[in-house]
Amino acid sequence: MRSLFAYTRRHRDIHLFARIHEIEIAPDQRLAGAVVLAAITGKPVDTEQQLLALKADLYRFELNLARNDNEHGWHIISSRWQRADLGFLTR
C-alpha cells in the first residue's frame, strides 16, 4: 500500500490502457480464462500506436475466472502476470 501511495503522489495523472487479448469460456459456462494486456501511463492513450510512441511498460495478465451465481458476475480465482513486449500489441 505504501508503494502504491508513493506512486500516486509522484504521478498525479495515472491512466490505464487495457486490451482483452483472449477469452475462453468453458462449455458449462462456470469457468473462464482471459488474457489482458495493460499499461499504466501518465496521459490518456486511445490507440496501440500512441502507446508504442510512449514506450510504456506493458504487462500481460492471465486470469482464471469463475461465475458467481449469487451476483450474476465473474470473480478471479487465480492470476499470473509478466512484462510483455510492446510488439505483442500488433499481433
Protein backbone atom coordinates (compact mmCIF):
# COMPACT_ATOMS: atom_id res chain seq x y z
CA MET A 1 0.00 0.00 0.00
CA ARG A 2 2.85 2.38 0.75
CA SER A 3 4.35 1.81 -2.69
CA LEU A 4 1.03 2.48 -4.38
CA PHE A 5 0.52 5.63 -2.29
CA ALA A 6 4.02 6.88 -3.13
CA TYR A 7 3.49 6.19 -6.83
CA THR A 8 0.22 8.10 -6.92
CA ARG A 9 1.80 11.03 -5.04
CA ARG A 10 4.62 11.26 -7.61
CA HIS A 11 2.38 10.76 -10.63
CA ARG A 12 -0.83 12.74 -10.25
CA ASP A 13 -2.24 11.67 -13.61
CA ILE A 14 -2.50 7.91 -13.97
CA HIS A 15 -4.23 6.35 -16.95
CA LEU A 16 -4.79 2.69 -17.66
CA PHE A 17 -4.64 1.30 -21.18
CA ALA A 18 -6.04 -2.23 -21.40
CA ARG A 19 -6.92 -4.61 -24.18
CA ILE A 20 -8.52 -8.02 -23.84
CA HIS A 21 -6.35 -10.28 -25.94
CA GLU A 22 -8.20 -13.56 -25.47
CA ILE A 23 -11.23 -15.01 -23.68
CA GLU A 24 -12.16 -18.67 -23.38
CA ILE A 25 -15.34 -19.81 -21.63
CA ALA A 26 -15.76 -23.44 -20.60
CA PRO A 27 -18.69 -25.33 -22.16
CA ASP A 28 -20.56 -25.35 -18.82
CA GLN A 29 -20.07 -21.54 -18.62
CA ARG A 30 -18.92 -21.72 -14.98
CA LEU A 31 -15.19 -21.19 -15.62
CA ALA A 32 -13.32 -18.91 -18.00
CA GLY A 33 -9.84 -17.77 -18.84
CA ALA A 34 -8.72 -14.42 -20.17
CA VAL A 35 -5.51 -12.76 -21.27
CA VAL A 36 -5.42 -8.99 -20.76
CA LEU A 37 -2.67 -6.60 -21.87
CA ALA A 38 -2.35 -3.49 -19.71
CA ALA A 39 -0.10 -0.46 -19.34
CA ILE A 40 -0.10 2.47 -16.91
CA THR A 41 0.68 5.84 -18.47
CA GLY A 42 0.86 9.45 -17.35
CA LYS A 43 -1.52 10.66 -20.04
CA PRO A 44 -4.57 9.27 -21.83
CA VAL A 45 -3.83 6.72 -24.55
CA ASP A 46 -6.52 5.63 -27.00
CA THR A 47 -4.62 3.51 -29.52
CA GLU A 48 -1.84 0.98 -29.65
CA GLN A 49 0.20 3.38 -31.81
CA GLN A 50 0.06 6.07 -29.10
CA LEU A 51 1.20 3.53 -26.53
CA LEU A 52 4.08 2.41 -28.76
CA ALA A 53 5.19 6.04 -29.14
CA LEU A 54 5.34 6.42 -25.34
CA LYS A 55 7.42 3.25 -24.98
CA ALA A 56 5.34 2.41 -21.91
CA ASP A 57 5.76 -0.75 -19.87
CA LEU A 58 3.23 -3.36 -20.98
CA TYR A 59 2.05 -6.24 -18.81
CA ARG A 60 0.30 -9.47 -19.73
CA PHE A 61 -2.22 -10.80 -17.21
CA GLU A 62 -3.54 -14.37 -17.40
CA LEU A 63 -6.77 -14.61 -15.41
CA ASN A 64 -8.80 -17.65 -14.38
CA LEU A 65 -12.38 -16.76 -13.55
CA ALA A 66 -15.38 -18.47 -12.01
CA ARG A 67 -19.02 -17.48 -12.35
CA ASN A 68 -20.58 -16.07 -9.23
CA ASP A 69 -24.21 -17.24 -9.36
CA ASN A 70 -25.30 -15.02 -6.48
CA GLU A 71 -24.19 -11.81 -8.21
CA HIS A 72 -24.55 -12.87 -11.86
CA GLY A 73 -20.91 -11.97 -12.48
CA TRP A 74 -17.40 -13.37 -12.52
CA HIS A 75 -14.61 -13.32 -9.97
CA ILE A 76 -10.90 -14.01 -10.34
CA ILE A 77 -9.83 -17.32 -8.81
CA SER A 78 -6.18 -17.08 -9.89
CA SER A 79 -3.93 -14.82 -11.90
CA ARG A 80 -0.45 -14.57 -13.27
CA TRP A 81 1.32 -11.58 -14.76
CA GLN A 82 4.54 -10.76 -16.52
CA ARG A 83 6.06 -7.96 -18.50
CA ALA A 84 5.21 -8.10 -22.20
CA ASP A 85 6.90 -6.71 -25.25
CA LEU A 86 5.06 -3.78 -26.84
CA GLY A 87 5.25 -5.60 -30.16
CA PHE A 88 2.72 -8.06 -28.71
CA LEU A 89 0.02 -5.39 -29.28
CA THR A 90 0.42 -5.51 -33.05
CA ARG A 91 -0.02 -9.30 -33.35
